[in-house]
Protein backbone atom coordinates (compact mmCIF):
# COMPACT_ATOMS: atom_id res chain seq x y z
CA UNK A 1 8.02 -1.15 14.91
CA UNK A 2 9.19 0.62 11.74
CA UNK A 3 12.95 1.06 11.45
CA UNK A 4 13.10 4.51 9.84
CA UNK A 5 11.06 7.42 8.52
CA UNK A 6 11.24 5.77 5.10
CA UNK A 7 9.54 2.67 6.49
CA UNK A 8 6.88 4.70 8.29
CA UNK A 9 6.12 6.81 5.21
CA UNK A 10 5.96 3.75 2.96
CA UNK A 11 3.54 1.99 5.31
CA UNK A 12 1.30 5.06 5.69
CA UNK A 13 1.14 5.54 1.91
CA UNK A 14 0.26 1.88 1.41
CA UNK A 15 -2.48 2.06 4.03
CA UNK A 16 -3.97 5.22 2.52
CA UNK A 17 -3.84 3.85 -1.01
CA UNK A 18 -5.26 0.42 -0.24
CA UNK A 19 -8.08 1.82 1.88
CA UNK A 20 -8.89 4.21 -0.95
CA UNK A 21 -8.78 1.39 -3.50
CA UNK A 22 -11.27 -0.63 -1.45
CA UNK A 23 -13.32 2.42 -0.41
CA UNK A 24 -16.53 0.99 -1.90
CA UNK A 25 -16.04 -2.44 -0.38
CA UNK A 26 -17.47 -3.16 3.07
CA UNK A 27 -16.10 -6.70 3.00
CA UNK A 28 -12.37 -5.96 2.76
CA UNK A 29 -10.28 -5.27 5.85
CA UNK A 30 -6.92 -3.48 5.53
CA UNK A 31 -4.65 -3.25 8.57
CA UNK A 32 -1.10 -2.32 9.48
CA UNK A 33 1.05 -3.69 12.32
CA UNK A 34 -1.98 -5.40 13.84
CA UNK A 35 -1.61 -8.79 15.47
CA UNK A 36 -3.07 -11.61 13.44
CA UNK A 37 -3.82 -14.69 15.55
CA UNK A 38 -4.60 -17.87 13.62
CA UNK A 39 -4.70 -20.59 16.31
CA UNK A 40 -7.24 -20.36 19.09
CA UNK A 41 -5.76 -20.97 22.52
CA UNK A 42 -2.19 -20.41 21.31
CA UNK A 43 -1.25 -16.73 21.77
CA UNK A 44 2.22 -17.44 20.36
CA UNK A 45 0.67 -18.23 16.97
CA UNK A 46 0.63 -14.63 15.84
CA UNK A 47 2.31 -12.13 13.55
CA UNK A 48 1.87 -8.38 13.01
CA UNK A 49 2.42 -7.83 9.26
CA UNK A 50 3.35 -4.37 8.04
CA UNK A 51 0.28 -4.55 5.78
CA UNK A 52 -2.42 -7.19 5.47
CA UNK A 53 -5.53 -7.27 3.28
CA UNK A 54 -8.34 -9.64 4.22
CA UNK A 55 -11.33 -9.94 1.85
CA UNK A 56 -14.59 -11.49 2.93
CA UNK A 57 -14.75 -9.97 6.41
CA UNK A 58 -16.30 -6.82 7.83
CA UNK A 59 -14.44 -3.58 7.32
CA UNK A 60 -14.51 -2.23 10.87
CA UNK A 61 -12.07 -1.41 13.65
CA UNK A 62 -10.52 -4.26 15.61
CA UNK A 63 -7.99 -4.61 18.42
CA UNK A 64 -6.55 -7.64 16.64
CA UNK A 65 -7.50 -10.02 13.84
CA UNK A 66 -8.45 -13.49 15.06
CA UNK A 67 -9.11 -15.96 12.27
CA UNK A 68 -11.48 -18.14 14.33
CA UNK A 69 -13.74 -15.12 14.90
CA UNK A 70 -13.80 -14.39 11.16
CA UNK A 71 -14.97 -17.70 9.78
CA UNK A 72 -11.39 -18.96 9.45
CA UNK A 73 -10.37 -16.09 7.17
CA UNK A 74 -6.68 -15.45 6.53
CA UNK A 75 -5.12 -12.49 4.72
CA UNK A 76 -5.19 -12.70 0.92
CA UNK A 77 -2.17 -10.37 0.78
CA UNK A 78 0.61 -9.56 3.20
CA UNK A 79 3.31 -6.94 2.56
CA UNK A 80 6.46 -6.79 4.66
CA UNK A 81 9.09 -4.02 4.49
CA UNK A 82 12.52 -5.38 5.16
CA UNK A 83 15.04 -3.83 7.52
CA UNK A 84 18.45 -4.70 8.91
CA UNK A 85 16.77 -6.56 11.77
CA UNK A 86 14.01 -8.32 9.83
CA UNK A 87 15.08 -9.05 6.26
CA UNK A 88 16.35 -12.58 6.86
CA UNK A 89 13.11 -13.54 8.60
CA UNK A 90 11.02 -11.76 5.93
CA UNK A 91 12.47 -13.82 3.07
CA UNK A 92 12.92 -17.01 5.15
CA UNK A 93 10.70 -18.12 8.05
CA UNK A 94 7.91 -15.60 7.42
CA UNK A 95 7.68 -16.55 3.77
CA UNK A 96 7.46 -20.24 4.71
CA UNK A 97 4.91 -19.54 7.45
CA UNK A 98 2.61 -17.46 5.25
CA UNK A 99 2.81 -20.15 2.59
CA UNK A 100 1.76 -22.81 5.12
CA UNK A 101 -1.07 -20.65 6.46
CA UNK A 102 -2.52 -20.13 2.99
CA UNK A 103 -1.81 -16.42 2.45
CA UNK A 104 -2.51 -16.12 -1.29
CA UNK A 105 0.04 -13.39 -2.04
CA UNK A 106 3.14 -12.24 -0.21
CA UNK A 107 5.15 -9.14 -1.16
CA UNK A 108 8.52 -8.15 0.28
CA UNK A 109 9.93 -4.66 -0.27
CA UNK A 110 13.32 -3.25 0.70
CA UNK A 111 12.98 0.57 0.87
CA UNK A 112 16.69 1.02 1.63
CA UNK A 113 17.90 -1.21 -1.26
CA UNK A 114 20.37 -2.87 1.10
CA UNK A 115 19.07 -6.28 1.99
CA UNK A 116 17.37 -8.11 -0.88
CA UNK A 117 17.71 -8.10 -4.67
CA UNK A 118 15.52 -7.36 -6.46
CA UNK A 119 14.24 -4.89 -3.91
CA UNK A 120 10.60 -5.75 -4.70
CA UNK A 121 9.61 -9.41 -4.70
CA UNK A 122 6.21 -11.06 -4.85
CA UNK A 123 4.96 -14.61 -4.35
CA UNK A 124 1.63 -16.25 -5.16
CA UNK A 125 0.24 -19.58 -4.00
CA UNK A 126 0.01 -22.22 -6.71
CA UNK A 127 -1.02 -25.70 -5.61
CA UNK A 128 -0.10 -24.85 -2.03
CA UNK A 129 3.39 -23.54 -2.84
CA UNK A 130 4.68 -20.03 -3.41
CA UNK A 131 5.77 -19.14 -6.91
CA UNK A 132 7.39 -15.82 -7.77
CA UNK A 133 5.16 -13.20 -9.37
CA UNK A 134 6.69 -12.08 -12.65
CA UNK A 135 7.04 -8.28 -12.83
CA UNK A 136 5.30 -6.38 -15.63
CA UNK A 137 7.25 -4.35 -18.18
CA UNK A 138 7.08 -1.33 -15.86
CA UNK A 139 8.43 -3.49 -13.00
CA UNK A 140 5.18 -3.39 -11.05
CA UNK A 141 3.67 -6.54 -9.53
CA UNK A 142 0.02 -7.29 -10.28
CA UNK A 143 -2.14 -8.56 -7.43
CA UNK A 144 -5.14 -10.80 -7.94
CA UNK A 145 -7.01 -8.27 -5.78
CA UNK A 146 -7.09 -5.91 -8.77
CA UNK A 147 -4.24 -3.43 -8.31
CA UNK A 148 -0.49 -3.22 -8.89
CA UNK A 149 2.35 -2.31 -6.55
CA UNK A 150 5.57 -0.72 -7.70
CA UNK A 151 8.65 0.95 -6.36
CA UNK A 152 8.91 4.74 -6.44
CA UNK A 153 12.27 5.72 -4.98
CA UNK A 154 12.14 4.48 -1.36
CA UNK A 155 8.38 4.01 -1.39
CA UNK A 156 6.04 1.25 -2.48
CA UNK A 157 3.05 2.67 -4.34
CA UNK A 158 -0.32 1.27 -5.38
CA UNK A 159 -1.54 1.66 -8.98
CA UNK A 160 -5.07 1.17 -10.36
CA UNK A 161 -5.69 -0.51 -13.69
CA UNK A 162 -3.21 0.57 -16.34
CA UNK A 163 -2.48 3.95 -14.73
CA UNK A 164 1.11 5.14 -14.67
CA UNK A 165 0.37 7.36 -11.67
CA UNK A 166 0.02 5.91 -8.18
CA UNK A 167 -2.98 6.40 -5.94
CA UNK A 168 -2.22 9.57 -4.01
CA UNK A 169 -2.21 9.77 -0.24
CA UNK A 170 -4.49 12.21 1.60
CA UNK A 171 -1.50 14.52 2.18
CA UNK A 172 -0.53 14.39 -1.49
CA UNK A 173 -4.10 15.20 -2.57
CA UNK A 174 -4.17 18.13 -0.12
CA UNK A 175 -0.84 19.43 -1.46
CA UNK A 176 -2.09 19.03 -5.03
CA UNK A 177 -5.28 20.96 -4.20
CA UNK A 178 -3.26 23.74 -2.55
CA UNK A 179 -1.07 24.03 -5.64
CA UNK A 180 -4.16 24.11 -7.86
CA UNK A 181 -5.71 26.85 -5.69
CA UNK A 182 -2.51 28.92 -5.96
CA UNK A 183 -2.46 28.48 -9.74
CA UNK A 184 -6.14 29.48 -10.00
CA UNK A 185 -5.44 32.59 -7.93
CA UNK A 186 -2.47 33.46 -10.16
CA UNK A 187 -4.62 33.09 -13.28
CA UNK A 188 -7.43 35.14 -11.75
CA UNK A 189 -4.97 37.91 -10.88
CA UNK A 190 -3.57 37.84 -14.41
CA UNK A 191 -7.10 38.04 -15.84
CA UNK A 192 -7.87 41.07 -13.63
CA UNK A 193 -4.66 42.74 -14.77
CA UNK A 194 -5.50 42.17 -18.45
CA UNK A 195 -9.01 43.54 -17.97
CA UNK A 196 -7.62 46.68 -16.34
CA UNK A 197 -5.19 47.18 -19.22
CA UNK A 198 -8.02 46.63 -21.71
CA UNK A 199 -10.19 49.17 -19.90
CA UNK A 200 -7.40 51.72 -19.84
CA UNK A 201 -6.85 51.25 -23.57
CA UNK A 202 -10.53 51.68 -24.41
CA UNK A 203 -10.67 54.91 -22.40
CA UNK A 204 -8.07 56.67 -24.52
């Protein structure tokens, strides 16, 4: 369960952005707070990451993700948002577990800037061990999946290529379209006003 509205918003934005990024891929599964089971017959061998991205499997709805039903697939990327209750596990036991299970990349983000420093940390498997991902000049972390993640106030955003602007959520796109519609209406009204003035001038 998310700890605060900041956590919920950050997770929703990540889900929207990652699903948009992989919109043309039918073989990439993106999930949030879904149980991942990796050991058949052992229901205790499970975690529910805040975000997980699993390439090489069908992109369809599931009740849970069971590795043995997916050809042994494990997430290529897991993102966890730290909180007062979880941060020690996020940077300790979870990090060690995901390393052992072969999760290629692990990102930890502290939206409240209270628990870990730096507040955005990434790890990548090298020879079976996690090594820290070095931030770019703009402080984003590049994923081998083809995008970057970076902090924006209390949110973690997804960036494509070399773009400075994050992938917008559906709500942000809707708000942007509404603002554009209002601006178009303002310009149309101004154009009508100028035409009326021009017509009045020509009639003198």
